[in-house]
Amino acid sequence: MRLLRETGWDVVHVGDLGLASASDALILERARVENRVVVTLDADFHRLLAISGAKAPSVVRIRVEGLTAAPLVILLTDALTRIDQALDAGAMVTVTARTVRIHALPIAVPRP
């Protein structure tokens, strides 16, 4: 977190908000209310957004395991500067070591 703040990002950890053990749905709601982007390793946030039909908040899922702080900051900074407009509009983003995939919100989920 400190490294991201030092590079100029307005970041807050869920633990700093008293949400360390909160449900993913509650974290998404707090991010929506505060107009924040959720950055996570957890695929559940994308699933919740897809099934809810929500237009916000944007969620960035990092799919690179074992990153230490400095490489994570580099990966995020590179990705976020390229996708900031999509995040402002509402998006689900998946970031890997090689790719960035963006899906605009809301996600259309086929009904059975």
PDB file of N, CA and C in Angstrom:
ATOM      1  N   MET A   1       0.818  -1.190   0.000  1.00  0.00           N
ATOM      2  CA  MET A   1       0.000   0.000   0.000  1.00  0.00           C
ATOM      3  C   MET A   1       0.867   1.261   0.000  1.00  0.00           C
ATOM      4  N   ARG A   2       1.879   1.246   0.826  1.00  0.00           N
ATOM      5  CA  ARG A   2       2.745   2.419   0.934  1.00  0.00           C
ATOM      6  C   ARG A   2       3.364   2.760  -0.416  1.00  0.00           C
ATOM      7  N   LEU A   3       3.846   1.744  -1.135  1.00  0.00           N
ATOM      8  CA  LEU A   3       4.469   1.999  -2.435  1.00  0.00           C
ATOM      9  C   LEU A   3       3.483   2.591  -3.434  1.00  0.00           C
ATOM     10  N   LEU A   4       2.245   2.109  -3.414  1.00  0.00           N
ATOM     11  CA  LEU A   4       1.238   2.679  -4.307  1.00  0.00           C
ATOM     12  C   LEU A   4       0.943   4.128  -3.933  1.00  0.00           C
ATOM     13  N   ARG A   5       0.843   4.402  -2.651  1.00  0.00           N
ATOM     14  CA  ARG A   5       0.615   5.794  -2.214  1.00  0.00           C
ATOM     15  C   ARG A   5       1.763   6.683  -2.650  1.00  0.00           C
ATOM     16  N   GLU A   6       2.996   6.168  -2.521  1.00  0.00           N
ATOM     17  CA  GLU A   6       4.175   6.956  -2.896  1.00  0.00           C
ATOM     18  C   GLU A   6       4.218   7.263  -4.384  1.00  0.00           C
ATOM     19  N   THR A   7       3.579   6.420  -5.203  1.00  0.00           N
ATOM     20  CA  THR A   7       3.534   6.698  -6.640  1.00  0.00           C
ATOM     21  C   THR A   7       2.346   7.581  -7.013  1.00  0.00           C
ATOM     22  N   GLY A   8       1.566   8.008  -6.009  1.00  0.00           N
ATOM     23  CA  GLY A   8       0.494   8.963  -6.264  1.00  0.00           C
ATOM     24  C   GLY A   8      -0.909   8.402  -6.295  1.00  0.00           C
ATOM     25  N   TRP A   9      -1.081   7.112  -6.058  1.00  0.00           N
ATOM     26  CA  TRP A   9      -2.407   6.510  -6.082  1.00  0.00           C
ATOM     27  C   TRP A   9      -3.112   6.734  -4.747  1.00  0.00           C
ATOM     28  N   ASP A  10      -4.398   7.007  -4.813  1.00  0.00           N
ATOM     29  CA  ASP A  10      -5.250   7.136  -3.625  1.00  0.00           C
ATOM     30  C   ASP A  10      -5.769   5.744  -3.290  1.00  0.00           C
ATOM     31  N   VAL A  11      -5.063   5.041  -2.426  1.00  0.00           N
ATOM     32  CA  VAL A  11      -5.405   3.661  -2.111  1.00  0.00           C
ATOM     33  C   VAL A  11      -5.718   3.502  -0.631  1.00  0.00           C
ATOM     34  N   VAL A  12      -6.571   2.523  -0.357  1.00  0.00           N
ATOM     35  CA  VAL A  12      -6.905   2.182   1.018  1.00  0.00           C
ATOM     36  C   VAL A  12      -7.105   0.672   1.071  1.00  0.00           C
ATOM     37  N   HIS A  13      -6.612   0.060   2.123  1.00  0.00           N
ATOM     38  CA  HIS A  13      -6.761  -1.388   2.299  1.00  0.00           C
ATOM     39  C   HIS A  13      -8.041  -1.654   3.068  1.00  0.00           C
ATOM     40  N   VAL A  14      -8.735  -2.737   2.733  1.00  0.00           N
ATOM     41  CA  VAL A  14      -9.989  -3.048   3.428  1.00  0.00           C
ATOM     42  C   VAL A  14      -9.774  -3.155   4.935  1.00  0.00           C
ATOM     43  N   GLY A  15      -8.592  -3.611   5.348  1.00  0.00           N
ATOM     44  CA  GLY A  15      -8.300  -3.698   6.780  1.00  0.00           C
ATOM     45  C   GLY A  15      -8.299  -2.337   7.448  1.00  0.00           C
ATOM     46  N   ASP A  16      -7.861  -1.306   6.732  1.00  0.00           N
ATOM     47  CA  ASP A  16      -7.860   0.059   7.279  1.00  0.00           C
ATOM     48  C   ASP A  16      -9.276   0.600   7.455  1.00  0.00           C
ATOM     49  N   LEU A  17     -10.239  -0.008   6.753  1.00  0.00           N
ATOM     50  CA  LEU A  17     -11.639   0.416   6.840  1.00  0.00           C
ATOM     51  C   LEU A  17     -12.442  -0.453   7.803  1.00  0.00           C
ATOM     52  N   GLY A  18     -11.767  -1.400   8.453  1.00  0.00           N
ATOM     53  CA  GLY A  18     -12.472  -2.320   9.340  1.00  0.00           C
ATOM     54  C   GLY A  18     -13.246  -3.388   8.590  1.00  0.00           C
ATOM     55  N   LEU A  19     -12.860  -3.653   7.336  1.00  0.00           N
ATOM     56  CA  LEU A  19     -13.582  -4.603   6.499  1.00  0.00           C
ATOM     57  C   LEU A  19     -12.770  -5.857   6.191  1.00  0.00           C
ATOM     58  N   ALA A  20     -11.735  -6.134   6.972  1.00  0.00           N
ATOM     59  CA  ALA A  20     -10.852  -7.269   6.680  1.00  0.00           C
ATOM     60  C   ALA A  20     -11.602  -8.593   6.625  1.00  0.00           C
ATOM     61  N   SER A  21     -12.632  -8.743   7.436  1.00  0.00           N
ATOM     62  CA  SER A  21     -13.391 -10.001   7.427  1.00  0.00           C
ATOM     63  C   SER A  21     -14.787  -9.821   6.820  1.00  0.00           C
ATOM     64  N   ALA A  22     -14.992  -8.709   6.130  1.00  0.00           N
ATOM     65  CA  ALA A  22     -16.299  -8.422   5.524  1.00  0.00           C
ATOM     66  C   ALA A  22     -16.536  -9.304   4.304  1.00  0.00           C
ATOM     67  N   SER A  23     -17.786  -9.463   3.962  1.00  0.00           N
ATOM     68  CA  SER A  23     -18.139 -10.218   2.758  1.00  0.00           C
ATOM     69  C   SER A  23     -17.693  -9.439   1.520  1.00  0.00           C
ATOM     70  N   ASP A  24     -17.489 -10.182   0.434  1.00  0.00           N
ATOM     71  CA  ASP A  24     -17.137  -9.538  -0.831  1.00  0.00           C
ATOM     72  C   ASP A  24     -18.220  -8.559  -1.258  1.00  0.00           C
ATOM     73  N   ALA A  25     -19.473  -8.913  -1.028  1.00  0.00           N
ATOM     74  CA  ALA A  25     -20.584  -8.035  -1.405  1.00  0.00           C
ATOM     75  C   ALA A  25     -20.512  -6.713  -0.641  1.00  0.00           C
ATOM     76  N   LEU A  26     -20.171  -6.757   0.642  1.00  0.00           N
ATOM     77  CA  LEU A  26     -20.061  -5.532   1.433  1.00  0.00           C
ATOM     78  C   LEU A  26     -18.889  -4.684   0.948  1.00  0.00           C
ATOM     79  N   ILE A  27     -17.786  -5.321   0.611  1.00  0.00           N
ATOM     80  CA  ILE A  27     -16.624  -4.587   0.090  1.00  0.00           C
ATOM     81  C   ILE A  27     -16.978  -3.919  -1.234  1.00  0.00           C
ATOM     82  N   LEU A  28     -17.677  -4.629  -2.111  1.00  0.00           N
ATOM     83  CA  LEU A  28     -18.110  -4.031  -3.376  1.00  0.00           C
ATOM     84  C   LEU A  28     -19.025  -2.836  -3.145  1.00  0.00           C
ATOM     85  N   GLU A  29     -19.946  -2.962  -2.207  1.00  0.00           N
ATOM     86  CA  GLU A  29     -20.870  -1.860  -1.924  1.00  0.00           C
ATOM     87  C   GLU A  29     -20.117  -0.645  -1.396  1.00  0.00           C
ATOM     88  N   ARG A  30     -19.187  -0.866  -0.485  1.00  0.00           N
ATOM     89  CA  ARG A  30     -18.400   0.250   0.058  1.00  0.00           C
ATOM     90  C   ARG A  30     -17.605   0.928  -1.061  1.00  0.00           C
ATOM     91  N   ALA A  31     -17.008   0.138  -1.944  1.00  0.00           N
ATOM     92  CA  ALA A  31     -16.251   0.701  -3.063  1.00  0.00           C
ATOM     93  C   ALA A  31     -17.168   1.498  -3.988  1.00  0.00           C
ATOM     94  N   ARG A  32     -18.380   0.993  -4.226  1.00  0.00           N
ATOM     95  CA  ARG A  32     -19.329   1.711  -5.076  1.00  0.00           C
ATOM     96  C   ARG A  32     -19.694   3.049  -4.462  1.00  0.00           C
ATOM     97  N   VAL A  33     -20.015   3.046  -3.176  1.00  0.00           N
ATOM     98  CA  VAL A  33     -20.411   4.274  -2.483  1.00  0.00           C
ATOM     99  C   VAL A  33     -19.272   5.303  -2.476  1.00  0.00           C
ATOM    100  N   GLU A  34     -18.042   4.822  -2.301  1.00  0.00           N
ATOM    101  CA  GLU A  34     -16.892   5.721  -2.224  1.00  0.00           C
ATOM    102  C   GLU A  34     -16.237   5.971  -3.590  1.00  0.00           C
ATOM    103  N   ASN A  35     -16.858   5.436  -4.659  1.00  0.00           N
ATOM    104  CA  ASN A  35     -16.340   5.601  -6.013  1.00  0.00           C
ATOM    105  C   ASN A  35     -14.883   5.148  -6.107  1.00  0.00           C
ATOM    106  N   ARG A  36     -14.631   3.942  -5.599  1.00  0.00           N
ATOM    107  CA  ARG A  36     -13.292   3.357  -5.622  1.00  0.00           C
ATOM    108  C   ARG A  36     -13.258   2.157  -6.547  1.00  0.00           C
ATOM    109  N   VAL A  37     -12.065   1.742  -6.893  1.00  0.00           N
ATOM    110  CA  VAL A  37     -11.826   0.539  -7.685  1.00  0.00           C
ATOM    111  C   VAL A  37     -11.315  -0.530  -6.734  1.00  0.00           C
ATOM    112  N   VAL A  38     -11.843  -1.735  -6.848  1.00  0.00           N
ATOM    113  CA  VAL A  38     -11.370  -2.860  -6.045  1.00  0.00           C
ATOM    114  C   VAL A  38     -10.253  -3.549  -6.815  1.00  0.00           C
ATOM    115  N   VAL A  39      -9.130  -3.754  -6.159  1.00  0.00           N
ATOM    116  CA  VAL A  39      -8.013  -4.517  -6.733  1.00  0.00           C
ATOM    117  C   VAL A  39      -7.862  -5.761  -5.877  1.00  0.00           C
ATOM    118  N   THR A  40      -7.865  -6.924  -6.529  1.00  0.00           N
ATOM    119  CA  THR A  40      -7.923  -8.181  -5.792  1.00  0.00           C
ATOM    120  C   THR A  40      -7.251  -9.322  -6.536  1.00  0.00           C
ATOM    121  N   LEU A  41      -6.968 -10.386  -5.809  1.00  0.00           N
ATOM    122  CA  LEU A  41      -6.536 -11.653  -6.400  1.00  0.00           C
ATOM    123  C   LEU A  41      -7.712 -12.610  -6.511  1.00  0.00           C
ATOM    124  N   ASP A  42      -8.837 -12.242  -5.943  1.00  0.00           N
ATOM    125  CA  ASP A  42     -10.005 -13.099  -5.770  1.00  0.00           C
ATOM    126  C   ASP A  42     -10.974 -13.008  -6.952  1.00  0.00           C
ATOM    127  N   ALA A  43     -11.284 -14.145  -7.566  1.00  0.00           N
ATOM    128  CA  ALA A  43     -12.208 -14.182  -8.705  1.00  0.00           C
ATOM    129  C   ALA A  43     -13.655 -13.941  -8.297  1.00  0.00           C
ATOM    130  N   ASP A  44     -13.974 -14.082  -7.022  1.00  0.00           N
ATOM    131  CA  ASP A  44     -15.357 -13.925  -6.573  1.00  0.00           C
ATOM    132  C   ASP A  44     -15.915 -12.532  -6.851  1.00  0.00           C
ATOM    133  N   PHE A  45     -15.085 -11.514  -6.824  1.00  0.00           N
ATOM    134  CA  PHE A  45     -15.578 -10.160  -7.081  1.00  0.00           C
ATOM    135  C   PHE A  45     -16.112 -10.039  -8.506  1.00  0.00           C
ATOM    136  N   HIS A  46     -15.413 -10.609  -9.464  1.00  0.00           N
ATOM    137  CA  HIS A  46     -15.899 -10.591 -10.851  1.00  0.00           C
ATOM    138  C   HIS A  46     -17.207 -11.364 -10.964  1.00  0.00           C
ATOM    139  N   ARG A  47     -17.284 -12.508 -10.320  1.00  0.00           N
ATOM    140  CA  ARG A  47     -18.508 -13.315 -10.362  1.00  0.00           C
ATOM    141  C   ARG A  47     -19.684 -12.529  -9.794  1.00  0.00           C
ATOM    142  N   LEU A  48     -19.482 -11.887  -8.658  1.00  0.00           N
ATOM    143  CA  LEU A  48     -20.560 -11.107  -8.042  1.00  0.00           C
ATOM    144  C   LEU A  48     -21.022  -9.969  -8.946  1.00  0.00           C
ATOM    145  N   LEU A  49     -20.088  -9.277  -9.568  1.00  0.00           N
ATOM    146  CA  LEU A  49     -20.458  -8.200 -10.491  1.00  0.00           C
ATOM    147  C   LEU A  49     -21.248  -8.735 -11.672  1.00  0.00           C
ATOM    148  N   ALA A  50     -20.798  -9.849 -12.215  1.00  0.00           N
ATOM    149  CA  ALA A  50     -21.466 -10.410 -13.392  1.00  0.00           C
ATOM    150  C   ALA A  50     -22.898 -10.810 -13.086  1.00  0.00           C
ATOM    151  N   ILE A  51     -23.132 -11.491 -11.969  1.00  0.00           N
ATOM    152  CA  ILE A  51     -24.487 -11.960 -11.680  1.00  0.00           C
ATOM    153  C   ILE A  51     -25.396 -10.852 -11.165  1.00  0.00           C
ATOM    154  N   SER A  52     -24.808  -9.772 -10.644  1.00  0.00           N
ATOM    155  CA  SER A  52     -25.634  -8.689 -10.103  1.00  0.00           C
ATOM    156  C   SER A  52     -26.123  -7.729 -11.178  1.00  0.00           C
ATOM    157  N   GLY A  53     -25.405  -7.657 -12.294  1.00  0.00           N
ATOM    158  CA  GLY A  53     -25.751  -6.682 -13.324  1.00  0.00           C
ATOM    159  C   GLY A  53     -25.359  -5.267 -12.946  1.00  0.00           C
ATOM    160  N   ALA A  54     -24.505  -5.127 -11.935  1.00  0.00           N
ATOM    161  CA  ALA A  54     -24.094  -3.806 -11.450  1.00  0.00           C
ATOM    162  C   ALA A  54     -23.234  -3.074 -12.470  1.00  0.00           C
ATOM    163  N   LYS A  55     -23.306  -1.748 -12.434  1.00  0.00           N
ATOM    164  CA  LYS A  55     -22.499  -0.894 -13.304  1.00  0.00           C
ATOM    165  C   LYS A  55     -21.249  -0.389 -12.592  1.00  0.00           C
ATOM    166  N   ALA A  56     -21.166  -0.634 -11.289  1.00  0.00           N
ATOM    167  CA  ALA A  56     -20.042  -0.177 -10.483  1.00  0.00           C
ATOM    168  C   ALA A  56     -20.002  -1.011  -9.209  1.00  0.00           C
ATOM    169  N   PRO A  57     -18.872  -1.095  -8.570  1.00  0.00           N
ATOM    170  CA  PRO A  57     -17.593  -0.460  -8.862  1.00  0.00           C
ATOM    171  C   PRO A  57     -16.797  -1.275  -9.863  1.00  0.00           C
ATOM    172  N   SER A  58     -15.762  -0.653 -10.399  1.00  0.00           N
ATOM    173  CA  SER A  58     -14.839  -1.403 -11.238  1.00  0.00           C
ATOM    174  C   SER A  58     -13.990  -2.306 -10.355  1.00  0.00           C
ATOM    175  N   VAL A  59     -13.601  -3.456 -10.916  1.00  0.00           N
ATOM    176  CA  VAL A  59     -12.763  -4.412 -10.190  1.00  0.00           C
ATOM    177  C   VAL A  59     -11.612  -4.829 -11.088  1.00  0.00           C
ATOM    178  N   VAL A  60     -10.407  -4.788 -10.535  1.00  0.00           N
ATOM    179  CA  VAL A  60      -9.214  -5.253 -11.221  1.00  0.00           C
ATOM    180  C   VAL A  60      -8.748  -6.507 -10.499  1.00  0.00           C
ATOM    181  N   ARG A  61      -8.736  -7.615 -11.230  1.00  0.00           N
ATOM    182  CA  ARG A  61      -8.253  -8.877 -10.674  1.00  0.00           C
ATOM    183  C   ARG A  61      -6.839  -9.132 -11.189  1.00  0.00           C
ATOM    184  N   ILE A  62      -5.919  -9.314 -10.261  1.00  0.00           N
ATOM    185  CA  ILE A  62      -4.538  -9.624 -10.601  1.00  0.00           C
ATOM    186  C   ILE A  62      -4.398 -11.143 -10.646  1.00  0.00           C
ATOM    187  N   ARG A  63      -3.969 -11.662 -11.786  1.00  0.00           N
ATOM    188  CA  ARG A  63      -3.794 -13.111 -11.937  1.00  0.00           C
ATOM    189  C   ARG A  63      -2.318 -13.447 -12.114  1.00  0.00           C
ATOM    190  N   VAL A  64      -1.524 -12.962 -11.184  1.00  0.00           N
ATOM    191  CA  VAL A  64      -0.106 -13.281 -11.133  1.00  0.00           C
ATOM    192  C   VAL A  64       0.184 -13.630  -9.686  1.00  0.00           C
ATOM    193  N   GLU A  65       0.521 -14.857  -9.433  1.00  0.00           N
ATOM    194  CA  GLU A  65       0.758 -15.312  -8.069  1.00  0.00           C
ATOM    195  C   GLU A  65       2.174 -14.971  -7.615  1.00  0.00           C
ATOM    196  N   GLY A  66       2.318 -14.732  -6.328  1.00  0.00           N
ATOM    197  CA  GLY A  66       3.628 -14.596  -5.707  1.00  0.00           C
ATOM    198  C   GLY A  66       4.356 -13.293  -5.947  1.00  0.00           C
ATOM    199  N   LEU A  67       3.658 -12.254  -6.389  1.00  0.00           N
ATOM    200  CA  LEU A  67       4.326 -10.973  -6.594  1.00  0.00           C
ATOM    201  C   LEU A  67       4.668 -10.332  -5.256  1.00  0.00           C
ATOM    202  N   THR A  68       5.853  -9.791  -5.168  1.00  0.00           N
ATOM    203  CA  THR A  68       6.194  -8.972  -4.012  1.00  0.00           C
ATOM    204  C   THR A  68       5.729  -7.548  -4.289  1.00  0.00           C
ATOM    205  N   ALA A  69       5.876  -6.683  -3.312  1.00  0.00           N
ATOM    206  CA  ALA A  69       5.305  -5.336  -3.402  1.00  0.00           C
ATOM    207  C   ALA A  69       5.790  -4.542  -4.619  1.00  0.00           C
ATOM    208  N   ALA A  70       7.084  -4.458  -4.830  1.00  0.00           N
ATOM    209  CA  ALA A  70       7.603  -3.616  -5.911  1.00  0.00           C
ATOM    210  C   ALA A  70       7.143  -4.090  -7.299  1.00  0.00           C
ATOM    211  N   PRO A  71       7.259  -5.376  -7.635  1.00  0.00           N
ATOM    212  CA  PRO A  71       6.748  -5.806  -8.946  1.00  0.00           C
ATOM    213  C   PRO A  71       5.238  -5.629  -9.085  1.00  0.00           C
ATOM    214  N   LEU A  72       4.494  -5.779  -7.991  1.00  0.00           N
ATOM    215  CA  LEU A  72       3.047  -5.563  -8.030  1.00  0.00           C
ATOM    216  C   LEU A  72       2.739  -4.107  -8.358  1.00  0.00           C
ATOM    217  N   VAL A  73       3.450  -3.191  -7.744  1.00  0.00           N
ATOM    218  CA  VAL A  73       3.243  -1.769  -8.024  1.00  0.00           C
ATOM    219  C   VAL A  73       3.538  -1.459  -9.485  1.00  0.00           C
ATOM    220  N   ILE A  74       4.595  -2.023 -10.022  1.00  0.00           N
ATOM    221  CA  ILE A  74       4.933  -1.807 -11.435  1.00  0.00           C
ATOM    222  C   ILE A  74       3.829  -2.354 -12.339  1.00  0.00           C
ATOM    223  N   LEU A  75       3.381  -3.584 -12.060  1.00  0.00           N
ATOM    224  CA  LEU A  75       2.311  -4.193 -12.849  1.00  0.00           C
ATOM    225  C   LEU A  75       1.039  -3.360 -12.789  1.00  0.00           C
ATOM    226  N   LEU A  76       0.639  -2.961 -11.585  1.00  0.00           N
ATOM    227  CA  LEU A  76      -0.587  -2.172 -11.424  1.00  0.00           C
ATOM    228  C   LEU A  76      -0.477  -0.797 -12.062  1.00  0.00           C
ATOM    229  N   THR A  77       0.620  -0.128 -11.840  1.00  0.00           N
ATOM    230  CA  THR A  77       0.795   1.210 -12.393  1.00  0.00           C
ATOM    231  C   THR A  77       0.728   1.179 -13.913  1.00  0.00           C
ATOM    232  N   ASP A  78       1.387   0.195 -14.511  1.00  0.00           N
ATOM    233  CA  ASP A  78       1.341   0.064 -15.963  1.00  0.00           C
ATOM    234  C   ASP A  78      -0.086  -0.205 -16.440  1.00  0.00           C
ATOM    235  N   ALA A  79      -0.759  -1.136 -15.796  1.00  0.00           N
ATOM    236  CA  ALA A  79      -2.126  -1.489 -16.214  1.00  0.00           C
ATOM    237  C   ALA A  79      -3.101  -0.339 -15.974  1.00  0.00           C
ATOM    238  N   LEU A  80      -3.050   0.259 -14.798  1.00  0.00           N
ATOM    239  CA  LEU A  80      -4.033   1.284 -14.452  1.00  0.00           C
ATOM    240  C   LEU A  80      -3.926   2.523 -15.325  1.00  0.00           C
ATOM    241  N   THR A  81      -2.729   2.887 -15.708  1.00  0.00           N
ATOM    242  CA  THR A  81      -2.600   4.068 -16.563  1.00  0.00           C
ATOM    243  C   THR A  81      -3.159   3.809 -17.959  1.00  0.00           C
ATOM    244  N   ARG A  82      -3.201   2.545 -18.382  1.00  0.00           N
ATOM    245  CA  ARG A  82      -3.741   2.205 -19.700  1.00  0.00           C
ATOM    246  C   ARG A  82      -5.254   2.000 -19.676  1.00  0.00           C
ATOM    247  N   ILE A  83      -5.835   1.763 -18.512  1.00  0.00           N
ATOM    248  CA  ILE A  83      -7.263   1.407 -18.443  1.00  0.00           C
ATOM    249  C   ILE A  83      -8.081   2.376 -17.606  1.00  0.00           C
ATOM    250  N   ASP A  84      -7.518   3.535 -17.286  1.00  0.00           N
ATOM    251  CA  ASP A  84      -8.212   4.445 -16.377  1.00  0.00           C
ATOM    252  C   ASP A  84      -9.578   4.887 -16.893  1.00  0.00           C
ATOM    253  N   GLN A  85      -9.722   5.086 -18.199  1.00  0.00           N
ATOM    254  CA  GLN A  85     -11.027   5.493 -18.732  1.00  0.00           C
ATOM    255  C   GLN A  85     -12.049   4.373 -18.598  1.00  0.00           C
ATOM    256  N   ALA A  86     -11.628   3.143 -18.836  1.00  0.00           N
ATOM    257  CA  ALA A  86     -12.540   2.009 -18.676  1.00  0.00           C
ATOM    258  C   ALA A  86     -12.964   1.876 -17.223  1.00  0.00           C
ATOM    259  N   LEU A  87     -12.040   2.086 -16.302  1.00  0.00           N
ATOM    260  CA  LEU A  87     -12.374   1.996 -14.880  1.00  0.00           C
ATOM    261  C   LEU A  87     -13.352   3.090 -14.486  1.00  0.00           C
ATOM    262  N   ASP A  88     -13.162   4.283 -15.018  1.00  0.00           N
ATOM    263  CA  ASP A  88     -14.091   5.383 -14.729  1.00  0.00           C
ATOM    264  C   ASP A  88     -15.501   5.066 -15.223  1.00  0.00           C
ATOM    265  N   ALA A  89     -15.599   4.358 -16.342  1.00  0.00           N
ATOM    266  CA  ALA A  89     -16.901   4.031 -16.930  1.00  0.00           C
ATOM    267  C   ALA A  89     -17.541   2.808 -16.280  1.00  0.00           C
ATOM    268  N   GLY A  90     -16.742   1.991 -15.604  1.00  0.00           N
ATOM    269  CA  GLY A  90     -17.224   0.754 -14.985  1.00  0.00           C
ATOM    270  C   GLY A  90     -16.742  -0.444 -15.766  1.00  0.00           C
ATOM    271  N   ALA A  91     -15.836  -1.218 -15.166  1.00  0.00           N
ATOM    272  CA  ALA A  91     -15.265  -2.356 -15.887  1.00  0.00           C
ATOM    273  C   ALA A  91     -14.791  -3.440 -14.937  1.00  0.00           C
ATOM    274  N   MET A  92     -14.799  -4.661 -15.465  1.00  0.00           N
ATOM    275  CA  MET A  92     -14.129  -5.792 -14.833  1.00  0.00           C
ATOM    276  C   MET A  92     -12.851  -5.991 -15.629  1.00  0.00           C
ATOM    277  N   VAL A  93     -11.724  -5.977 -14.954  1.00  0.00           N
ATOM    278  CA  VAL A  93     -10.434  -6.071 -15.624  1.00  0.00           C
ATOM    279  C   VAL A  93      -9.665  -7.239 -15.040  1.00  0.00           C
ATOM    280  N   THR A  94      -9.028  -8.000 -15.908  1.00  0.00           N
ATOM    281  CA  THR A  94      -8.137  -9.072 -15.479  1.00  0.00           C
ATOM    282  C   THR A  94      -6.741  -8.747 -15.990  1.00  0.00           C
ATOM    283  N   VAL A  95      -5.781  -8.730 -15.065  1.00  0.00           N
ATOM    284  CA  VAL A  95      -4.402  -8.404 -15.407  1.00  0.00           C
ATOM    285  C   VAL A  95      -3.548  -9.643 -15.170  1.00  0.00           C
ATOM    286  N   THR A  96      -2.829 -10.061 -16.205  1.00  0.00           N
ATOM    287  CA  THR A  96      -1.850 -11.131 -16.075  1.00  0.00           C
ATOM    288  C   THR A  96      -0.475 -10.533 -16.368  1.00  0.00           C
ATOM    289  N   ALA A  97       0.543 -11.365 -16.326  1.00  0.00           N
ATOM    290  CA  ALA A  97       1.893 -10.874 -16.614  1.00  0.00           C
ATOM    291  C   ALA A  97       2.013 -10.378 -18.055  1.00  0.00           C
ATOM    292  N   ARG A  98       1.155 -10.893 -18.951  1.00  0.00           N
ATOM    293  CA  ARG A  98       1.260 -10.549 -20.369  1.00  0.00           C
ATOM    294  C   ARG A  98       0.071  -9.788 -20.943  1.00  0.00           C
ATOM    295  N   THR A  99      -1.079  -9.872 -20.309  1.00  0.00           N
ATOM    296  CA  THR A  99      -2.285  -9.300 -20.908  1.00  0.00           C
ATOM    297  C   THR A  99      -3.103  -8.509 -19.911  1.00  0.00           C
ATOM    298  N   VAL A 100      -3.947  -7.659 -20.479  1.00  0.00           N
ATOM    299  CA  VAL A 100      -4.971  -6.943 -19.714  1.00  0.00           C
ATOM    300  C   VAL A 100      -6.265  -7.110 -20.491  1.00  0.00           C
ATOM    301  N   ARG A 101      -7.264  -7.747 -19.842  1.00  0.00           N
ATOM    302  CA  ARG A 101      -8.575  -7.932 -20.485  1.00  0.00           C
ATOM    303  C   ARG A 101      -9.581  -7.041 -19.772  1.00  0.00           C
ATOM    304  N   ILE A 102     -10.392  -6.351 -20.573  1.00  0.00           N
ATOM    305  CA  ILE A 102     -11.379  -5.415 -20.039  1.00  0.00           C
ATOM    306  C   ILE A 102     -12.766  -5.828 -20.509  1.00  0.00           C
ATOM    307  N   HIS A 103     -13.705  -5.883 -19.568  1.00  0.00           N
ATOM    308  CA  HIS A 103     -15.113  -6.130 -19.882  1.00  0.00           C
ATOM    309  C   HIS A 103     -15.909  -4.980 -19.271  1.00  0.00           C
ATOM    310  N   ALA A 104     -16.617  -4.246 -20.107  1.00  0.00           N
ATOM    311  CA  ALA A 104     -17.427  -3.132 -19.633  1.00  0.00           C
ATOM    312  C   ALA A 104     -18.583  -3.630 -18.770  1.00  0.00           C
ATOM    313  N   LEU A 105     -18.904  -2.858 -17.751  1.00  0.00           N
ATOM    314  CA  LEU A 105     -20.055  -3.150 -16.893  1.00  0.00           C
ATOM    315  C   LEU A 105     -21.279  -2.404 -17.414  1.00  0.00           C
ATOM    316  N   PRO A 106     -22.457  -2.927 -17.247  1.00  0.00           N
ATOM    317  CA  PRO A 106     -22.766  -4.212 -16.627  1.00  0.00           C
ATOM    318  C   PRO A 106     -22.487  -5.362 -17.597  1.00  0.00           C
ATOM    319  N   ILE A 107     -22.256  -6.529 -17.020  1.00  0.00           N
ATOM    320  CA  ILE A 107     -22.025  -7.739 -17.801  1.00  0.00           C
ATOM    321  C   ILE A 107     -23.384  -8.369 -18.096  1.00  0.00           C
ATOM    322  N   ALA A 108     -23.598  -8.687 -19.344  1.00  0.00           N
ATOM    323  CA  ALA A 108     -24.867  -9.353 -19.729  1.00  0.00           C
ATOM    324  C   ALA A 108     -24.700 -10.844 -19.502  1.00  0.00           C
ATOM    325  N   VAL A 109     -25.459 -11.369 -18.554  1.00  0.00           N
ATOM    326  CA  VAL A 109     -25.418 -12.789 -18.248  1.00  0.00           C
ATOM    327  C   VAL A 109     -26.660 -13.430 -18.861  1.00  0.00           C
ATOM    328  N   PRO A 110     -26.454 -14.450 -19.712  1.00  0.00           N
ATOM    329  CA  PRO A 110     -27.625 -15.099 -20.326  1.00  0.00           C
ATOM    330  C   PRO A 110     -28.530 -15.708 -19.276  1.00  0.00           C
ATOM    331  N   ARG A 111     -29.807 -15.556 -19.454  1.00  0.00           N
ATOM    332  CA  ARG A 111     -30.785 -16.136 -18.544  1.00  0.00           C
ATOM    333  C   ARG A 111     -31.165 -17.533 -19.050  1.00  0.00           C
ATOM    334  N   PRO A 112     -31.338 -18.480 -18.129  1.00  0.00           N
ATOM    335  CA  PRO A 112     -31.704 -19.851 -18.547  1.00  0.00           C
ATOM    336  C   PRO A 112     -33.110 -19.923 -19.116  1.00  0.00           C
TER     337      PRO A 112
END
